[in-house]
Every structure is written in C-alpha cells, then in structure tokens.
Amino acid sequence: MLGEKGSVLALFKTVPMIAKIAIVTIIAVLIVPGAMAVFPIAKYVIMALLIFFIYELVLRALGKGILTFVVTGMLAYFIVYKYLYLSASLMMFYIFLGFGLVSVFFWGTSTLSRKK
C-alpha cells in the first residue's frame, strides 16, 4: 500500500514544502478543538490559558486597576465562552507562529555567530 503509485505518501512527495507546512499546521491547529470535544478537562485547561492570555494583554495595555478586570471580563465572555473553539484554534495558530518566528531568529543569530 505504501509503495503503490497512487498512495497518499507518493502524492505528498510531489507537494511543495510550503504546502506541506500549511497542511500540517492546519491539522495541528484543528486537533485542539477535537481534543476539547473528546476530553472535557482539555476544554477547561484551554479556557484557563485563554483567560490568562487575555488578562496579560489587557494588563499590558491598561495597567493595573479595576478597568483591567472589567475589560478582561468582557473579552473573556465573548472570546472564551461564546467562541471557545474558534479562539482555541486561533490561540494554537498564534503559538505556532510565535515558535516559528523565534526559531528563525535563533537560526539567524547562530548563522551570524558562526561566520565570525
């Protein structure tokens, strides 16, 4: 099956690298809502992470105060409770994007340090 001409792996070898990366990223991002549907504890962990991300973002923008908690509560209601599966997928995409950009930065600095 794997050695056949029409197999999925043979088709995947002809696809450009950027398309492979996009396909794997989409699959990895969509695993999170699937895991939240299958495992209820994952849903609560993702909800806690989202609320933490929202709080940190609002804290950096508004500083410490009561307004920070009010804005965090409003954003958490809409982002976490109403659109949980969409925002969880976007959070994973954001994390993957951050890891990707950081890894390019590390690769660039290590390449520059080897030239000296």
C-alpha atoms as a PDB file:
ATOM      1  CA  MET A   1       0.000   0.000   0.000  1.00  0.00           C
ATOM      2  CA  LEU A   2       2.774   2.449   0.854  1.00  0.00           C
ATOM      3  CA  GLY A   3       4.790   1.575  -2.211  1.00  0.00           C
ATOM      4  CA  GLU A   4       1.917   1.912  -4.659  1.00  0.00           C
ATOM      5  CA  LYS A   5       1.980   4.677  -7.203  1.00  0.00           C
ATOM      6  CA  GLY A   6      -1.343   6.215  -6.133  1.00  0.00           C
ATOM      7  CA  SER A   7      -0.752   6.214  -2.387  1.00  0.00           C
ATOM      8  CA  VAL A   8      -1.127   9.284  -0.219  1.00  0.00           C
ATOM      9  CA  LEU A   9       2.586   9.337   0.634  1.00  0.00           C
ATOM     10  CA  ALA A  10       3.544   9.341  -3.042  1.00  0.00           C
ATOM     11  CA  LEU A  11       1.160  12.233  -3.622  1.00  0.00           C
ATOM     12  CA  PHE A  12       2.558  14.060  -0.599  1.00  0.00           C
ATOM     13  CA  LYS A  13       6.091  13.858  -2.041  1.00  0.00           C
ATOM     14  CA  THR A  14       5.085  15.922  -5.060  1.00  0.00           C
ATOM     15  CA  VAL A  15       3.599  18.748  -2.994  1.00  0.00           C
ATOM     16  CA  PRO A  16       5.807  21.838  -2.433  1.00  0.00           C
ATOM     17  CA  MET A  17       7.294  22.339   1.041  1.00  0.00           C
ATOM     18  CA  ILE A  18       5.198  25.411   1.898  1.00  0.00           C
ATOM     19  CA  ALA A  19       2.015  23.464   1.165  1.00  0.00           C
ATOM     20  CA  LYS A  20       3.217  20.602   3.392  1.00  0.00           C
ATOM     21  CA  ILE A  21       3.857  23.053   6.212  1.00  0.00           C
ATOM     22  CA  ALA A  22       0.417  24.609   5.725  1.00  0.00           C
ATOM     23  CA  ILE A  23      -1.307  21.207   5.750  1.00  0.00           C
ATOM     24  CA  VAL A  24       0.490  20.060   8.901  1.00  0.00           C
ATOM     25  CA  THR A  25      -0.216  23.394  10.625  1.00  0.00           C
ATOM     26  CA  ILE A  26      -3.919  23.207   9.801  1.00  0.00           C
ATOM     27  CA  ILE A  27      -4.116  19.639  11.089  1.00  0.00           C
ATOM     28  CA  ALA A  28      -2.257  20.566  14.297  1.00  0.00           C
ATOM     29  CA  VAL A  29      -4.468  23.604  14.891  1.00  0.00           C
ATOM     30  CA  LEU A  30      -7.641  21.572  14.364  1.00  0.00           C
ATOM     31  CA  ILE A  31      -6.513  18.906  16.837  1.00  0.00           C
ATOM     32  CA  VAL A  32      -7.161  21.315  19.732  1.00  0.00           C
ATOM     33  CA  PRO A  33     -10.944  21.671  19.207  1.00  0.00           C
ATOM     34  CA  GLY A  34     -11.122  17.918  18.640  1.00  0.00           C
ATOM     35  CA  ALA A  35      -9.330  17.252  21.907  1.00  0.00           C
ATOM     36  CA  MET A  36     -11.639  19.689  23.688  1.00  0.00           C
ATOM     37  CA  ALA A  37     -14.662  17.819  22.347  1.00  0.00           C
ATOM     38  CA  VAL A  38     -13.301  14.410  23.371  1.00  0.00           C
ATOM     39  CA  PHE A  39     -11.636  15.267  26.688  1.00  0.00           C
ATOM     40  CA  PRO A  40     -13.587  17.685  28.914  1.00  0.00           C
ATOM     41  CA  ILE A  41     -10.545  18.520  31.062  1.00  0.00           C
ATOM     42  CA  ALA A  42      -8.762  19.852  27.959  1.00  0.00           C
ATOM     43  CA  LYS A  43     -11.617  22.301  27.485  1.00  0.00           C
ATOM     44  CA  TYR A  44     -11.064  23.788  30.934  1.00  0.00           C
ATOM     45  CA  VAL A  45      -7.287  23.940  30.501  1.00  0.00           C
ATOM     46  CA  ILE A  46      -7.658  25.806  27.191  1.00  0.00           C
ATOM     47  CA  MET A  47     -10.221  28.137  28.782  1.00  0.00           C
ATOM     48  CA  ALA A  48      -7.770  28.950  31.594  1.00  0.00           C
ATOM     49  CA  LEU A  49      -4.966  29.584  29.102  1.00  0.00           C
ATOM     50  CA  LEU A  50      -7.161  31.864  27.029  1.00  0.00           C
ATOM     51  CA  ILE A  51      -8.242  33.870  30.059  1.00  0.00           C
ATOM     52  CA  PHE A  52      -4.606  34.180  31.130  1.00  0.00           C
ATOM     53  CA  PHE A  53      -3.603  35.399  27.649  1.00  0.00           C
ATOM     54  CA  ILE A  54      -6.446  37.932  27.628  1.00  0.00           C
ATOM     55  CA  TYR A  55      -5.573  39.192  31.113  1.00  0.00           C
ATOM     56  CA  GLU A  56      -1.894  39.620  30.213  1.00  0.00           C
ATOM     57  CA  LEU A  57      -2.789  41.504  27.022  1.00  0.00           C
ATOM     58  CA  VAL A  58      -5.194  43.843  28.820  1.00  0.00           C
ATOM     59  CA  LEU A  59      -2.756  44.328  31.710  1.00  0.00           C
ATOM     60  CA  ARG A  60      -0.039  45.479  29.308  1.00  0.00           C
ATOM     61  CA  ALA A  61      -2.453  47.834  27.567  1.00  0.00           C
ATOM     62  CA  LEU A  62      -4.271  49.362  30.553  1.00  0.00           C
ATOM     63  CA  GLY A  63      -2.049  48.719  33.568  1.00  0.00           C
ATOM     64  CA  LYS A  64      -3.201  47.572  36.992  1.00  0.00           C
ATOM     65  CA  GLY A  65      -6.644  48.730  38.028  1.00  0.00           C
ATOM     66  CA  ILE A  66     -10.305  47.895  38.088  1.00  0.00           C
ATOM     67  CA  LEU A  67     -10.677  48.718  34.392  1.00  0.00           C
ATOM     68  CA  THR A  68      -8.304  45.864  33.591  1.00  0.00           C
ATOM     69  CA  PHE A  69     -10.625  43.358  35.275  1.00  0.00           C
ATOM     70  CA  VAL A  70     -13.728  44.821  33.635  1.00  0.00           C
ATOM     71  CA  VAL A  71     -12.239  44.699  30.143  1.00  0.00           C
ATOM     72  CA  THR A  72     -10.799  41.233  30.790  1.00  0.00           C
ATOM     73  CA  GLY A  73     -14.204  40.003  31.919  1.00  0.00           C
ATOM     74  CA  MET A  74     -15.951  41.387  28.834  1.00  0.00           C
ATOM     75  CA  LEU A  75     -13.353  39.971  26.455  1.00  0.00           C
ATOM     76  CA  ALA A  76     -13.318  36.639  28.272  1.00  0.00           C
ATOM     77  CA  TYR A  77     -17.092  36.363  27.927  1.00  0.00           C
ATOM     78  CA  PHE A  78     -17.032  36.847  24.174  1.00  0.00           C
ATOM     79  CA  ILE A  79     -13.737  35.148  23.323  1.00  0.00           C
ATOM     80  CA  VAL A  80     -13.745  32.260  25.799  1.00  0.00           C
ATOM     81  CA  TYR A  81     -17.386  31.439  26.471  1.00  0.00           C
ATOM     82  CA  LYS A  82     -19.130  32.318  23.221  1.00  0.00           C
ATOM     83  CA  TYR A  83     -16.428  31.419  20.655  1.00  0.00           C
ATOM     84  CA  LEU A  84     -14.280  28.906  22.525  1.00  0.00           C
ATOM     85  CA  TYR A  85     -13.462  26.517  19.688  1.00  0.00           C
ATOM     86  CA  LEU A  86     -12.589  29.276  17.220  1.00  0.00           C
ATOM     87  CA  SER A  87     -10.465  31.172  19.721  1.00  0.00           C
ATOM     88  CA  ALA A  88      -8.688  27.967  20.825  1.00  0.00           C
ATOM     89  CA  SER A  89      -7.730  27.260  17.223  1.00  0.00           C
ATOM     90  CA  LEU A  90      -6.523  30.830  16.758  1.00  0.00           C
ATOM     91  CA  MET A  91      -4.540  30.614  20.002  1.00  0.00           C
ATOM     92  CA  MET A  92      -2.741  27.498  18.766  1.00  0.00           C
ATOM     93  CA  PHE A  93      -2.018  29.185  15.434  1.00  0.00           C
ATOM     94  CA  TYR A  94      -0.630  32.194  17.327  1.00  0.00           C
ATOM     95  CA  ILE A  95       1.597  29.915  19.419  1.00  0.00           C
ATOM     96  CA  PHE A  96       2.857  28.085  16.320  1.00  0.00           C
ATOM     97  CA  LEU A  97       3.526  31.398  14.601  1.00  0.00           C
ATOM     98  CA  GLY A  98       5.458  32.618  17.634  1.00  0.00           C
ATOM     99  CA  PHE A  99       7.560  29.457  17.793  1.00  0.00           C
ATOM    100  CA  GLY A 100       8.229  29.695  14.065  1.00  0.00           C
ATOM    101  CA  LEU A 101       9.405  33.288  14.194  1.00  0.00           C
ATOM    102  CA  VAL A 102      11.573  32.666  17.254  1.00  0.00           C
ATOM    103  CA  SER A 103      13.187  29.643  15.618  1.00  0.00           C
ATOM    104  CA  VAL A 104      14.022  31.725  12.530  1.00  0.00           C
ATOM    105  CA  PHE A 105      15.561  34.344  14.822  1.00  0.00           C
ATOM    106  CA  PHE A 106      17.683  31.721  16.608  1.00  0.00           C
ATOM    107  CA  TRP A 107      18.755  30.217  13.284  1.00  0.00           C
ATOM    108  CA  GLY A 108      19.763  33.647  12.001  1.00  0.00           C
ATOM    109  CA  THR A 109      21.766  34.574  15.070  1.00  0.00           C
ATOM    110  CA  SER A 110      23.522  31.207  15.130  1.00  0.00           C
ATOM    111  CA  THR A 111      24.386  31.579  11.453  1.00  0.00           C
ATOM    112  CA  LEU A 112      25.801  35.059  12.052  1.00  0.00           C
ATOM    113  CA  SER A 113      27.824  33.913  15.060  1.00  0.00           C
ATOM    114  CA  ARG A 114      29.412  31.073  13.051  1.00  0.00           C
ATOM    115  CA  LYS A 115      30.655  33.484  10.356  1.00  0.00           C
ATOM    116  CA  LYS A 116      32.906  35.364  12.816  1.00  0.00           C
END
